[in-house]
């Protein structure tokens, strides 16, 4: 496999543009640990009601992402939903409290929310 190195003089205008562009393109991926998010979902048995691609008792994660992704406070809304134990309505009409995700840090909760919101596709509900 060939590796290419981009060389730019950091003092030049072109060099600065390259650095800024690389920073902007890389930024959304920073801080997202997909494996940790998927493990947290598994450990908390979230797959009992949710899957990535299809609706079960709860919406598909892709549908959640499609619903909230464009909202300015999307991350906060997803975090609230997975941590607050709010009342949710099931397809058969009964209501119960959403299970609160159990993680050891707020950073882990944020990672799960960002993972959900990173999923492409889905439909707004």
PDB file of N, CA and C in Angstrom:
ATOM      1  N   UNK A   1       0.843  -1.172   0.000  1.00  0.00           N
ATOM      2  CA  UNK A   1       0.000   0.000   0.000  1.00  0.00           C
ATOM      3  C   UNK A   1       0.885   1.230   0.000  1.00  0.00           C
ATOM      4  N   UNK A   2       0.580   2.177  -0.818  1.00  0.00           N
ATOM      5  CA  UNK A   2       1.356   3.410  -0.888  1.00  0.00           C
ATOM      6  C   UNK A   2       0.775   4.431   0.075  1.00  0.00           C
ATOM      7  N   UNK A   3       1.633   5.147   0.721  1.00  0.00           N
ATOM      8  CA  UNK A   3       1.233   6.237   1.599  1.00  0.00           C
ATOM      9  C   UNK A   3       1.717   7.535   0.979  1.00  0.00           C
ATOM     10  N   UNK A   4       0.860   8.496   0.955  1.00  0.00           N
ATOM     11  CA  UNK A   4       1.207   9.789   0.407  1.00  0.00           C
ATOM     12  C   UNK A   4       1.274  10.807   1.526  1.00  0.00           C
ATOM     13  N   UNK A   5       2.244  11.646   1.459  1.00  0.00           N
ATOM     14  CA  UNK A   5       2.392  12.702   2.442  1.00  0.00           C
ATOM     15  C   UNK A   5       2.199  14.032   1.746  1.00  0.00           C
ATOM     16  N   UNK A   6       1.326  14.838   2.296  1.00  0.00           N
ATOM     17  CA  UNK A   6       1.088  16.162   1.756  1.00  0.00           C
ATOM     18  C   UNK A   6       2.031  17.120   2.455  1.00  0.00           C
ATOM     19  N   UNK A   7       2.849  17.766   1.680  1.00  0.00           N
ATOM     20  CA  UNK A   7       3.789  18.724   2.249  1.00  0.00           C
ATOM     21  C   UNK A   7       3.339  20.119   1.866  1.00  0.00           C
ATOM     22  N   UNK A   8       3.187  20.941   2.864  1.00  0.00           N
ATOM     23  CA  UNK A   8       2.810  22.331   2.628  1.00  0.00           C
ATOM     24  C   UNK A   8       3.560  23.191   3.624  1.00  0.00           C
ATOM     25  N   UNK A   9       3.990  24.284   3.165  1.00  0.00           N
ATOM     26  CA  UNK A   9       4.669  25.238   4.026  1.00  0.00           C
ATOM     27  C   UNK A   9       3.613  25.861   4.929  1.00  0.00           C
ATOM     28  N   UNK A  10       3.744  25.636   6.241  1.00  0.00           N
ATOM     29  CA  UNK A  10       2.733  26.133   7.172  1.00  0.00           C
ATOM     30  C   UNK A  10       2.632  27.649   7.170  1.00  0.00           C
ATOM     31  N   UNK A  11       3.653  28.311   6.727  1.00  0.00           N
ATOM     32  CA  UNK A  11       3.625  29.768   6.693  1.00  0.00           C
ATOM     33  C   UNK A  11       2.915  30.316   5.482  1.00  0.00           C
ATOM     34  N   UNK A  12       2.747  29.506   4.459  1.00  0.00           N
ATOM     35  CA  UNK A  12       2.122  30.001   3.232  1.00  0.00           C
ATOM     36  C   UNK A  12       0.606  29.986   3.366  1.00  0.00           C
ATOM     37  N   UNK A  13      -0.035  30.776   2.555  1.00  0.00           N
ATOM     38  CA  UNK A  13      -1.489  30.829   2.541  1.00  0.00           C
ATOM     39  C   UNK A  13      -2.065  29.469   2.139  1.00  0.00           C
ATOM     40  N   UNK A  14      -1.468  28.838   1.144  1.00  0.00           N
ATOM     41  CA  UNK A  14      -1.937  27.519   0.695  1.00  0.00           C
ATOM     42  C   UNK A  14      -1.764  26.495   1.812  1.00  0.00           C
ATOM     43  N   UNK A  15      -0.652  26.576   2.531  1.00  0.00           N
ATOM     44  CA  UNK A  15      -0.402  25.650   3.634  1.00  0.00           C
ATOM     45  C   UNK A  15      -1.433  25.809   4.739  1.00  0.00           C
ATOM     46  N   UNK A  16      -1.767  27.048   5.037  1.00  0.00           N
ATOM     47  CA  UNK A  16      -2.796  27.306   6.055  1.00  0.00           C
ATOM     48  C   UNK A  16      -4.151  26.778   5.607  1.00  0.00           C
ATOM     49  N   UNK A  17      -4.470  26.965   4.340  1.00  0.00           N
ATOM     50  CA  UNK A  17      -5.749  26.482   3.815  1.00  0.00           C
ATOM     51  C   UNK A  17      -5.839  24.962   3.903  1.00  0.00           C
ATOM     52  N   UNK A  18      -4.736  24.296   3.596  1.00  0.00           N
ATOM     53  CA  UNK A  18      -4.705  22.834   3.690  1.00  0.00           C
ATOM     54  C   UNK A  18      -4.927  22.397   5.128  1.00  0.00           C
ATOM     55  N   UNK A  19      -4.249  23.035   6.070  1.00  0.00           N
ATOM     56  CA  UNK A  19      -4.388  22.683   7.488  1.00  0.00           C
ATOM     57  C   UNK A  19      -5.809  22.932   7.988  1.00  0.00           C
ATOM     58  N   UNK A  20      -6.398  24.059   7.633  1.00  0.00           N
ATOM     59  CA  UNK A  20      -7.762  24.373   8.063  1.00  0.00           C
ATOM     60  C   UNK A  20      -8.753  23.389   7.466  1.00  0.00           C
ATOM     61  N   UNK A  21      -8.593  23.070   6.189  1.00  0.00           N
ATOM     62  CA  UNK A  21      -9.494  22.112   5.539  1.00  0.00           C
ATOM     63  C   UNK A  21      -9.386  20.744   6.198  1.00  0.00           C
ATOM     64  N   UNK A  22      -8.175  20.288   6.460  1.00  0.00           N
ATOM     65  CA  UNK A  22      -7.986  18.987   7.114  1.00  0.00           C
ATOM     66  C   UNK A  22      -8.624  18.986   8.497  1.00  0.00           C
ATOM     67  N   UNK A  23      -8.479  20.061   9.235  1.00  0.00           N
ATOM     68  CA  UNK A  23      -9.073  20.177  10.565  1.00  0.00           C
ATOM     69  C   UNK A  23     -10.590  20.087  10.479  1.00  0.00           C
ATOM     70  N   UNK A  24     -11.185  20.827   9.572  1.00  0.00           N
ATOM     71  CA  UNK A  24     -12.643  20.855   9.445  1.00  0.00           C
ATOM     72  C   UNK A  24     -13.209  19.504   9.017  1.00  0.00           C
ATOM     73  N   UNK A  25     -12.527  18.814   8.134  1.00  0.00           N
ATOM     74  CA  UNK A  25     -13.010  17.522   7.666  1.00  0.00           C
ATOM     75  C   UNK A  25     -12.853  16.438   8.721  1.00  0.00           C
ATOM     76  N   UNK A  26     -11.829  16.538   9.535  1.00  0.00           N
ATOM     77  CA  UNK A  26     -11.570  15.507  10.539  1.00  0.00           C
ATOM     78  C   UNK A  26     -12.373  15.705  11.808  1.00  0.00           C
ATOM     79  N   UNK A  27     -12.805  16.897  12.097  1.00  0.00           N
ATOM     80  CA  UNK A  27     -13.413  17.215  13.370  1.00  0.00           C
ATOM     81  C   UNK A  27     -14.625  16.363  13.742  1.00  0.00           C
ATOM     82  N   UNK A  28     -15.601  16.081  12.840  1.00  0.00           N
ATOM     83  CA  UNK A  28     -16.755  15.309  13.270  1.00  0.00           C
ATOM     84  C   UNK A  28     -16.418  13.918  13.792  1.00  0.00           C
ATOM     85  N   UNK A  29     -15.339  13.329  13.338  1.00  0.00           N
ATOM     86  CA  UNK A  29     -14.981  11.985  13.776  1.00  0.00           C
ATOM     87  C   UNK A  29     -14.282  11.978  15.130  1.00  0.00           C
ATOM     88  N   UNK A  30     -13.781  13.106  15.577  1.00  0.00           N
ATOM     89  CA  UNK A  30     -13.083  13.159  16.855  1.00  0.00           C
ATOM     90  C   UNK A  30     -14.053  12.859  17.979  1.00  0.00           C
ATOM     91  N   UNK A  31     -13.604  12.055  18.902  1.00  0.00           N
ATOM     92  CA  UNK A  31     -14.401  11.804  20.086  1.00  0.00           C
ATOM     93  C   UNK A  31     -15.462  10.739  19.928  1.00  0.00           C
ATOM     94  N   UNK A  32     -15.608  10.136  18.779  1.00  0.00           N
ATOM     95  CA  UNK A  32     -16.609   9.091  18.592  1.00  0.00           C
ATOM     96  C   UNK A  32     -15.916   7.738  18.603  1.00  0.00           C
ATOM     97  N   UNK A  33     -16.239   6.935  19.599  1.00  0.00           N
ATOM     98  CA  UNK A  33     -15.696   5.590  19.722  1.00  0.00           C
ATOM     99  C   UNK A  33     -16.835   4.615  19.416  1.00  0.00           C
ATOM    100  N   UNK A  34     -16.896   4.193  18.168  1.00  0.00           N
ATOM    101  CA  UNK A  34     -17.993   3.338  17.699  1.00  0.00           C
ATOM    102  C   UNK A  34     -18.047   2.033  18.480  1.00  0.00           C
ATOM    103  N   UNK A  35     -16.917   1.390  18.669  1.00  0.00           N
ATOM    104  CA  UNK A  35     -16.897   0.105  19.380  1.00  0.00           C
ATOM    105  C   UNK A  35     -17.406   0.258  20.808  1.00  0.00           C
ATOM    106  N   UNK A  36     -17.013   1.323  21.485  1.00  0.00           N
ATOM    107  CA  UNK A  36     -17.469   1.557  22.863  1.00  0.00           C
ATOM    108  C   UNK A  36     -18.973   1.824  22.903  1.00  0.00           C
ATOM    109  N   UNK A  37     -19.475   2.594  21.940  1.00  0.00           N
ATOM    110  CA  UNK A  37     -20.912   2.886  21.888  1.00  0.00           C
ATOM    111  C   UNK A  37     -21.707   1.603  21.644  1.00  0.00           C
ATOM    112  N   UNK A  38     -21.256   0.802  20.702  1.00  0.00           N
ATOM    113  CA  UNK A  38     -21.957  -0.453  20.413  1.00  0.00           C
ATOM    114  C   UNK A  38     -21.908  -1.403  21.608  1.00  0.00           C
ATOM    115  N   UNK A  39     -20.788  -1.426  22.333  1.00  0.00           N
ATOM    116  CA  UNK A  39     -20.681  -2.263  23.524  1.00  0.00           C
ATOM    117  C   UNK A  39     -21.616  -1.764  24.623  1.00  0.00           C
ATOM    118  N   UNK A  40     -21.714  -0.461  24.785  1.00  0.00           N
ATOM    119  CA  UNK A  40     -22.622   0.115  25.785  1.00  0.00           C
ATOM    120  C   UNK A  40     -24.068  -0.238  25.473  1.00  0.00           C
ATOM    121  N   UNK A  41     -24.427  -0.173  24.196  1.00  0.00           N
ATOM    122  CA  UNK A  41     -25.778  -0.548  23.750  1.00  0.00           C
ATOM    123  C   UNK A  41     -26.035  -2.018  24.084  1.00  0.00           C
ATOM    124  N   UNK A  42     -25.059  -2.857  23.807  1.00  0.00           N
ATOM    125  CA  UNK A  42     -25.188  -4.293  24.084  1.00  0.00           C
ATOM    126  C   UNK A  42     -25.272  -4.551  25.586  1.00  0.00           C
ATOM    127  N   UNK A  43     -24.375  -3.935  26.353  1.00  0.00           N
ATOM    128  CA  UNK A  43     -24.342  -4.150  27.805  1.00  0.00           C
ATOM    129  C   UNK A  43     -25.620  -3.692  28.499  1.00  0.00           C
ATOM    130  N   UNK A  44     -26.276  -2.687  27.950  1.00  0.00           N
ATOM    131  CA  UNK A  44     -27.504  -2.163  28.542  1.00  0.00           C
ATOM    132  C   UNK A  44     -28.763  -2.790  27.956  1.00  0.00           C
ATOM    133  N   UNK A  45     -28.579  -3.794  27.110  1.00  0.00           N
ATOM    134  CA  UNK A  45     -29.682  -4.547  26.515  1.00  0.00           C
ATOM    135  C   UNK A  45     -30.648  -3.659  25.729  1.00  0.00           C
ATOM    136  N   UNK A  46     -30.107  -2.618  25.120  1.00  0.00           N
ATOM    137  CA  UNK A  46     -30.943  -1.708  24.327  1.00  0.00           C
ATOM    138  C   UNK A  46     -31.541  -2.408  23.107  1.00  0.00           C
ATOM    139  N   UNK A  47     -30.894  -3.487  22.647  1.00  0.00           N
ATOM    140  CA  UNK A  47     -31.370  -4.212  21.470  1.00  0.00           C
ATOM    141  C   UNK A  47     -32.659  -4.981  21.753  1.00  0.00           C
ATOM    142  N   UNK A  48     -33.069  -5.008  23.014  1.00  0.00           N
ATOM    143  CA  UNK A  48     -34.362  -5.623  23.339  1.00  0.00           C
ATOM    144  C   UNK A  48     -35.484  -4.868  22.614  1.00  0.00           C
ATOM    145  N   UNK A  49     -35.344  -3.543  22.532  1.00  0.00           N
ATOM    146  CA  UNK A  49     -36.389  -2.719  21.921  1.00  0.00           C
ATOM    147  C   UNK A  49     -35.954  -1.978  20.657  1.00  0.00           C
ATOM    148  N   UNK A  50     -34.651  -1.883  20.412  1.00  0.00           N
ATOM    149  CA  UNK A  50     -34.143  -1.093  19.285  1.00  0.00           C
ATOM    150  C   UNK A  50     -33.136  -1.900  18.462  1.00  0.00           C
ATOM    151  N   UNK A  51     -33.069  -1.600  17.172  1.00  0.00           N
ATOM    152  CA  UNK A  51     -31.992  -2.082  16.317  1.00  0.00           C
ATOM    153  C   UNK A  51     -31.506  -0.890  15.496  1.00  0.00           C
ATOM    154  N   UNK A  52     -30.429  -1.065  14.785  1.00  0.00           N
ATOM    155  CA  UNK A  52     -29.916   0.022  13.959  1.00  0.00           C
ATOM    156  C   UNK A  52     -30.868   0.308  12.808  1.00  0.00           C
ATOM    157  N   UNK A  53     -31.368  -0.738  12.152  1.00  0.00           N
ATOM    158  CA  UNK A  53     -32.072  -0.579  10.875  1.00  0.00           C
ATOM    159  C   UNK A  53     -33.587  -0.739  10.886  1.00  0.00           C
ATOM    160  N   UNK A  54     -34.139  -1.361  11.905  1.00  0.00           N
ATOM    161  CA  UNK A  54     -35.587  -1.599  11.835  1.00  0.00           C
ATOM    162  C   UNK A  54     -36.256  -1.353  13.184  1.00  0.00           C
ATOM    163  N   UNK A  55     -37.504  -0.989  13.105  1.00  0.00           N
ATOM    164  CA  UNK A  55     -38.311  -0.717  14.288  1.00  0.00           C
ATOM    165  C   UNK A  55     -38.638  -2.031  14.989  1.00  0.00           C
ATOM    166  N   UNK A  56     -38.521  -2.020  16.288  1.00  0.00           N
ATOM    167  CA  UNK A  56     -39.012  -3.120  17.125  1.00  0.00           C
ATOM    168  C   UNK A  56     -40.070  -2.490  18.032  1.00  0.00           C
ATOM    169  N   UNK A  57     -39.965  -2.665  19.338  1.00  0.00           N
ATOM    170  CA  UNK A  57     -40.853  -1.939  20.246  1.00  0.00           C
ATOM    171  C   UNK A  57     -40.524  -0.449  20.230  1.00  0.00           C
ATOM    172  N   UNK A  58     -39.255  -0.143  19.985  1.00  0.00           N
ATOM    173  CA  UNK A  58     -38.812   1.250  19.875  1.00  0.00           C
ATOM    174  C   UNK A  58     -38.325   1.505  18.461  1.00  0.00           C
ATOM    175  N   UNK A  59     -38.082   2.774  18.150  1.00  0.00           N
ATOM    176  CA  UNK A  59     -37.645   3.114  16.793  1.00  0.00           C
ATOM    177  C   UNK A  59     -36.231   2.622  16.496  1.00  0.00           C
ATOM    178  N   UNK A  60     -35.937   2.444  15.221  1.00  0.00           N
ATOM    179  CA  UNK A  60     -34.577   2.112  14.787  1.00  0.00           C
ATOM    180  C   UNK A  60     -33.675   3.296  15.105  1.00  0.00           C
ATOM    181  N   UNK A  61     -32.433   3.018  15.441  1.00  0.00           N
ATOM    182  CA  UNK A  61     -31.485   4.096  15.740  1.00  0.00           C
ATOM    183  C   UNK A  61     -31.332   5.048  14.557  1.00  0.00           C
ATOM    184  N   UNK A  62     -31.348   4.521  13.333  1.00  0.00           N
ATOM    185  CA  UNK A  62     -31.246   5.385  12.146  1.00  0.00           C
ATOM    186  C   UNK A  62     -32.430   6.356  12.071  1.00  0.00           C
ATOM    187  N   UNK A  63     -33.615   5.892  12.480  1.00  0.00           N
ATOM    188  CA  UNK A  63     -34.787   6.763  12.472  1.00  0.00           C
ATOM    189  C   UNK A  63     -34.669   7.844  13.549  1.00  0.00           C
ATOM    190  N   UNK A  64     -34.121   7.498  14.685  1.00  0.00           N
ATOM    191  CA  UNK A  64     -33.888   8.486  15.741  1.00  0.00           C
ATOM    192  C   UNK A  64     -32.924   9.554  15.219  1.00  0.00           C
ATOM    193  N   UNK A  65     -31.865   9.107  14.561  1.00  0.00           N
ATOM    194  CA  UNK A  65     -30.889  10.050  13.999  1.00  0.00           C
ATOM    195  C   UNK A  65     -31.544  10.960  12.970  1.00  0.00           C
ATOM    196  N   UNK A  66     -32.359  10.390  12.090  1.00  0.00           N
ATOM    197  CA  UNK A  66     -33.025  11.192  11.058  1.00  0.00           C
ATOM    198  C   UNK A  66     -33.975  12.206  11.682  1.00  0.00           C
ATOM    199  N   UNK A  67     -34.628  11.832  12.755  1.00  0.00           N
ATOM    200  CA  UNK A  67     -35.586  12.712  13.420  1.00  0.00           C
ATOM    201  C   UNK A  67     -34.898  13.912  14.070  1.00  0.00           C
ATOM    202  N   UNK A  68     -33.752  13.683  14.711  1.00  0.00           N
ATOM    203  CA  UNK A  68     -33.130  14.729  15.515  1.00  0.00           C
ATOM    204  C   UNK A  68     -31.892  15.378  14.904  1.00  0.00           C
ATOM    205  N   UNK A  69     -31.274  14.752  13.937  1.00  0.00           N
ATOM    206  CA  UNK A  69     -29.958  15.177  13.438  1.00  0.00           C
ATOM    207  C   UNK A  69     -29.877  16.661  13.103  1.00  0.00           C
ATOM    208  N   UNK A  70     -30.889  17.226  12.489  1.00  0.00           N
ATOM    209  CA  UNK A  70     -30.834  18.615  12.035  1.00  0.00           C
ATOM    210  C   UNK A  70     -31.182  19.626  13.126  1.00  0.00           C
ATOM    211  N   UNK A  71     -31.588  19.163  14.282  1.00  0.00           N
ATOM    212  CA  UNK A  71     -31.945  20.072  15.367  1.00  0.00           C
ATOM    213  C   UNK A  71     -30.697  20.521  16.110  1.00  0.00           C
ATOM    214  N   UNK A  72     -30.681  21.773  16.509  1.00  0.00           N
ATOM    215  CA  UNK A  72     -29.509  22.339  17.185  1.00  0.00           C
ATOM    216  C   UNK A  72     -29.202  21.618  18.495  1.00  0.00           C
ATOM    217  N   UNK A  73     -30.212  21.129  19.179  1.00  0.00           N
ATOM    218  CA  UNK A  73     -30.009  20.468  20.468  1.00  0.00           C
ATOM    219  C   UNK A  73     -30.200  18.952  20.378  1.00  0.00           C
ATOM    220  N   UNK A  74     -29.894  18.381  19.212  1.00  0.00           N
ATOM    221  CA  UNK A  74     -30.126  16.955  18.979  1.00  0.00           C
ATOM    222  C   UNK A  74     -29.396  16.071  19.986  1.00  0.00           C
ATOM    223  N   UNK A  75     -28.139  16.394  20.252  1.00  0.00           N
ATOM    224  CA  UNK A  75     -27.364  15.576  21.185  1.00  0.00           C
ATOM    225  C   UNK A  75     -27.993  15.604  22.577  1.00  0.00           C
ATOM    226  N   UNK A  76     -28.408  16.779  23.023  1.00  0.00           N
ATOM    227  CA  UNK A  76     -29.030  16.898  24.343  1.00  0.00           C
ATOM    228  C   UNK A  76     -30.341  16.124  24.409  1.00  0.00           C
ATOM    229  N   UNK A  77     -31.116  16.141  23.322  1.00  0.00           N
ATOM    230  CA  UNK A  77     -32.387  15.407  23.303  1.00  0.00           C
ATOM    231  C   UNK A  77     -32.166  13.901  23.403  1.00  0.00           C
ATOM    232  N   UNK A  78     -31.189  13.393  22.671  1.00  0.00           N
ATOM    233  CA  UNK A  78     -30.911  11.955  22.727  1.00  0.00           C
ATOM    234  C   UNK A  78     -30.380  11.586  24.116  1.00  0.00           C
ATOM    235  N   UNK A  79     -29.479  12.398  24.653  1.00  0.00           N
ATOM    236  CA  UNK A  79     -28.954  12.138  25.999  1.00  0.00           C
ATOM    237  C   UNK A  79     -30.081  12.119  27.022  1.00  0.00           C
ATOM    238  N   UNK A  80     -30.973  13.088  26.940  1.00  0.00           N
ATOM    239  CA  UNK A  80     -32.105  13.125  27.876  1.00  0.00           C
ATOM    240  C   UNK A  80     -32.931  11.846  27.758  1.00  0.00           C
ATOM    241  N   UNK A  81     -33.211  11.442  26.535  1.00  0.00           N
ATOM    242  CA  UNK A  81     -34.061  10.267  26.343  1.00  0.00           C
ATOM    243  C   UNK A  81     -33.430   8.996  26.917  1.00  0.00           C
ATOM    244  N   UNK A  82     -32.135   8.845  26.763  1.00  0.00           N
ATOM    245  CA  UNK A  82     -31.509   7.596  27.225  1.00  0.00           C
ATOM    246  C   UNK A  82     -31.126   7.633  28.703  1.00  0.00           C
ATOM    247  N   UNK A  83     -31.244   8.804  29.345  1.00  0.00           N
ATOM    248  CA  UNK A  83     -30.831   8.894  30.753  1.00  0.00           C
ATOM    249  C   UNK A  83     -31.945   9.304  31.715  1.00  0.00           C
ATOM    250  N   UNK A  84     -33.060   9.831  31.221  1.00  0.00           N
ATOM    251  CA  UNK A  84     -34.072  10.414  32.104  1.00  0.00           C
ATOM    252  C   UNK A  84     -35.155   9.436  32.552  1.00  0.00           C
ATOM    253  N   UNK A  85     -35.291   8.316  31.877  1.00  0.00           N
ATOM    254  CA  UNK A  85     -36.338   7.372  32.250  1.00  0.00           C
ATOM    255  C   UNK A  85     -37.738   7.911  31.976  1.00  0.00           C
ATOM    256  N   UNK A  86     -37.872   8.655  30.884  1.00  0.00           N
ATOM    257  CA  UNK A  86     -39.172   9.252  30.560  1.00  0.00           C
ATOM    258  C   UNK A  86     -40.175   8.186  30.141  1.00  0.00           C
ATOM    259  N   UNK A  87     -41.430   8.529  30.219  1.00  0.00           N
ATOM    260  CA  UNK A  87     -42.507   7.624  29.843  1.00  0.00           C
ATOM    261  C   UNK A  87     -42.560   7.485  28.327  1.00  0.00           C
ATOM    262  N   UNK A  88     -42.581   6.248  27.826  1.00  0.00           N
ATOM    263  CA  UNK A  88     -42.661   5.995  26.393  1.00  0.00           C
ATOM    264  C   UNK A  88     -43.874   5.106  26.104  1.00  0.00           C
ATOM    265  N   UNK A  89     -44.422   5.293  24.911  1.00  0.00           N
ATOM    266  CA  UNK A  89     -45.586   4.527  24.499  1.00  0.00           C
ATOM    267  C   UNK A  89     -45.150   3.423  23.542  1.00  0.00           C
ATOM    268  N   UNK A  90     -45.631   2.216  23.764  1.00  0.00           N
ATOM    269  CA  UNK A  90     -45.282   1.058  22.956  1.00  0.00           C
ATOM    270  C   UNK A  90     -46.335   0.835  21.874  1.00  0.00           C
ATOM    271  N   UNK A  91     -45.970   0.059  20.831  1.00  0.00           N
ATOM    272  CA  UNK A  91     -46.904  -0.171  19.715  1.00  0.00           C
ATOM    273  C   UNK A  91     -48.262  -0.728  20.148  1.00  0.00           C
ATOM    274  N   UNK A  92     -48.294  -1.511  21.222  1.00  0.00           N
ATOM    275  CA  UNK A  92     -49.572  -2.078  21.671  1.00  0.00           C
ATOM    276  C   UNK A  92     -50.372  -1.100  22.529  1.00  0.00           C
ATOM    277  N   UNK A  93     -49.821   0.108  22.739  1.00  0.00           N
ATOM    278  CA  UNK A  93     -50.552   1.144  23.461  1.00  0.00           C
ATOM    279  C   UNK A  93     -50.161   1.316  24.922  1.00  0.00           C
ATOM    280  N   UNK A  94     -49.497   0.328  25.505  1.00  0.00           N
ATOM    281  CA  UNK A  94     -49.126   0.482  26.912  1.00  0.00           C
ATOM    282  C   UNK A  94     -47.950   1.450  27.045  1.00  0.00           C
ATOM    283  N   UNK A  95     -47.820   2.017  28.225  1.00  0.00           N
ATOM    284  CA  UNK A  95     -46.741   2.967  28.495  1.00  0.00           C
ATOM    285  C   UNK A  95     -45.895   2.452  29.645  1.00  0.00           C
ATOM    286  N   UNK A  96     -44.613   2.738  29.553  1.00  0.00           N
ATOM    287  CA  UNK A  96     -43.709   2.430  30.661  1.00  0.00           C
ATOM    288  C   UNK A  96     -42.499   3.343  30.575  1.00  0.00           C
ATOM    289  N   UNK A  97     -41.748   3.371  31.645  1.00  0.00           N
ATOM    290  CA  UNK A  97     -40.558   4.216  31.691  1.00  0.00           C
ATOM    291  C   UNK A  97     -39.458   3.619  30.824  1.00  0.00           C
ATOM    292  N   UNK A  98     -38.810   4.487  30.026  1.00  0.00           N
ATOM    293  CA  UNK A  98     -37.670   4.062  29.215  1.00  0.00           C
ATOM    294  C   UNK A  98     -36.531   3.703  30.159  1.00  0.00           C
ATOM    295  N   UNK A  99     -35.890   2.595  29.910  1.00  0.00           N
ATOM    296  CA  UNK A  99     -34.769   2.178  30.734  1.00  0.00           C
ATOM    297  C   UNK A  99     -33.644   3.214  30.653  1.00  0.00           C
ATOM    298  N   UNK A 100     -33.089   3.582  31.800  1.00  0.00           N
ATOM    299  CA  UNK A 100     -31.966   4.518  31.835  1.00  0.00           C
ATOM    300  C   UNK A 100     -30.687   3.761  31.521  1.00  0.00           C
ATOM    301  N   UNK A 101     -29.916   4.285  30.593  1.00  0.00           N
ATOM    302  CA  UNK A 101     -28.654   3.650  30.245  1.00  0.00           C
ATOM    303  C   UNK A 101     -27.692   3.804  31.421  1.00  0.00           C
ATOM    304  N   UNK A 102     -26.996   2.743  31.748  1.00  0.00           N
ATOM    305  CA  UNK A 102     -26.063   2.751  32.879  1.00  0.00           C
ATOM    306  C   UNK A 102     -24.638   2.737  32.350  1.00  0.00           C
ATOM    307  N   UNK A 103     -23.970   3.870  32.493  1.00  0.00           N
ATOM    308  CA  UNK A 103     -22.584   4.012  32.058  1.00  0.00           C
ATOM    309  C   UNK A 103     -21.805   4.694  33.171  1.00  0.00           C
ATOM    310  N   UNK A 104     -20.498   4.546  33.136  1.00  0.00           N
ATOM    311  CA  UNK A 104     -19.687   5.046  34.243  1.00  0.00           C
ATOM    312  C   UNK A 104     -19.343   6.527  34.147  1.00  0.00           C
ATOM    313  N   UNK A 105     -19.584   7.157  32.986  1.00  0.00           N
ATOM    314  CA  UNK A 105     -19.246   8.575  32.874  1.00  0.00           C
ATOM    315  C   UNK A 105     -20.164   9.271  31.879  1.00  0.00           C
ATOM    316  N   UNK A 106     -20.247  10.579  32.025  1.00  0.00           N
ATOM    317  CA  UNK A 106     -21.021  11.389  31.090  1.00  0.00           C
ATOM    318  C   UNK A 106     -20.413  11.316  29.689  1.00  0.00           C
ATOM    319  N   UNK A 107     -19.089  11.180  29.607  1.00  0.00           N
ATOM    320  CA  UNK A 107     -18.435  11.055  28.303  1.00  0.00           C
ATOM    321  C   UNK A 107     -18.926   9.822  27.557  1.00  0.00           C
ATOM    322  N   UNK A 108     -19.167   8.739  28.280  1.00  0.00           N
ATOM    323  CA  UNK A 108     -19.686   7.530  27.639  1.00  0.00           C
ATOM    324  C   UNK A 108     -21.119   7.731  27.139  1.00  0.00           C
ATOM    325  N   UNK A 109     -21.913   8.449  27.912  1.00  0.00           N
ATOM    326  CA  UNK A 109     -23.285   8.758  27.500  1.00  0.00           C
ATOM    327  C   UNK A 109     -23.258   9.617  26.235  1.00  0.00           C
ATOM    328  N   UNK A 110     -22.417  10.624  26.221  1.00  0.00           N
ATOM    329  CA  UNK A 110     -22.273  11.496  25.056  1.00  0.00           C
ATOM    330  C   UNK A 110     -21.835  10.686  23.843  1.00  0.00           C
ATOM    331  N   UNK A 111     -20.914   9.748  24.047  1.00  0.00           N
ATOM    332  CA  UNK A 111     -20.441   8.917  22.945  1.00  0.00           C
ATOM    333  C   UNK A 111     -21.579   8.099  22.338  1.00  0.00           C
ATOM    334  N   UNK A 112     -22.437   7.531  23.175  1.00  0.00           N
ATOM    335  CA  UNK A 112     -23.579   6.753  22.673  1.00  0.00           C
ATOM    336  C   UNK A 112     -24.523   7.662  21.887  1.00  0.00           C
ATOM    337  N   UNK A 113     -24.815   8.844  22.405  1.00  0.00           N
ATOM    338  CA  UNK A 113     -25.693   9.777  21.709  1.00  0.00           C
ATOM    339  C   UNK A 113     -25.097  10.178  20.360  1.00  0.00           C
ATOM    340  N   UNK A 114     -23.815  10.459  20.340  1.00  0.00           N
ATOM    341  CA  UNK A 114     -23.160  10.841  19.082  1.00  0.00           C
ATOM    342  C   UNK A 114     -23.152   9.687  18.092  1.00  0.00           C
ATOM    343  N   UNK A 115     -22.975   8.471  18.604  1.00  0.00           N
ATOM    344  CA  UNK A 115     -23.008   7.300  17.719  1.00  0.00           C
ATOM    345  C   UNK A 115     -24.391   7.179  17.070  1.00  0.00           C
ATOM    346  N   UNK A 116     -25.436   7.304  17.877  1.00  0.00           N
ATOM    347  CA  UNK A 116     -26.792   7.212  17.329  1.00  0.00           C
ATOM    348  C   UNK A 116     -26.990   8.281  16.255  1.00  0.00           C
ATOM    349  N   UNK A 117     -26.605   9.514  16.573  1.00  0.00           N
ATOM    350  CA  UNK A 117     -26.811  10.616  15.629  1.00  0.00           C
ATOM    351  C   UNK A 117     -25.937  10.513  14.385  1.00  0.00           C
ATOM    352  N   UNK A 118     -24.870   9.729  14.458  1.00  0.00           N
ATOM    353  CA  UNK A 118     -23.978   9.582  13.300  1.00  0.00           C
ATOM    354  C   UNK A 118     -24.520   8.624  12.251  1.00  0.00           C
ATOM    355  N   UNK A 119     -25.542   7.866  12.596  1.00  0.00           N
ATOM    356  CA  UNK A 119     -26.066   6.848  11.675  1.00  0.00           C
ATOM    357  C   UNK A 119     -26.816   7.499  10.525  1.00  0.00           C
ATOM    358  N   UNK A 120     -26.426   7.157   9.325  1.00  0.00           N
ATOM    359  CA  UNK A 120     -27.045   7.701   8.121  1.00  0.00           C
ATOM    360  C   UNK A 120     -28.297   6.917   7.770  1.00  0.00           C
ATOM    361  N   UNK A 121     -29.137   7.531   6.958  1.00  0.00           N
ATOM    362  CA  UNK A 121     -30.348   6.867   6.513  1.00  0.00           C
ATOM    363  C   UNK A 121     -31.465   7.068   7.517  1.00  0.00           C
ATOM    364  N   UNK A 122     -32.409   6.191   7.492  1.00  0.00           N
ATOM    365  CA  UNK A 122     -33.542   6.299   8.397  1.00  0.00           C
ATOM    366  C   UNK A 122     -34.579   7.263   7.863  1.00  0.00           C
ATOM    367  N   UNK A 123     -35.692   7.306   8.555  1.00  0.00           N
ATOM    368  CA  UNK A 123     -36.760   8.221   8.167  1.00  0.00           C
ATOM    369  C   UNK A 123     -37.260   8.946   9.400  1.00  0.00           C
ATOM    370  N   UNK A 124     -37.684  10.184   9.195  1.00  0.00           N
ATOM    371  CA  UNK A 124     -38.245  10.966  10.298  1.00  0.00           C
ATOM    372  C   UNK A 124     -39.585  10.371  10.664  1.00  0.00           C
ATOM    373  N   UNK A 125     -39.843  10.304  11.938  1.00  0.00           N
ATOM    374  CA  UNK A 125     -41.092   9.662  12.385  1.00  0.00           C
ATOM    375  C   UNK A 125     -42.166  10.687  12.613  1.00  0.00           C
TER     376      UNK A 125
END
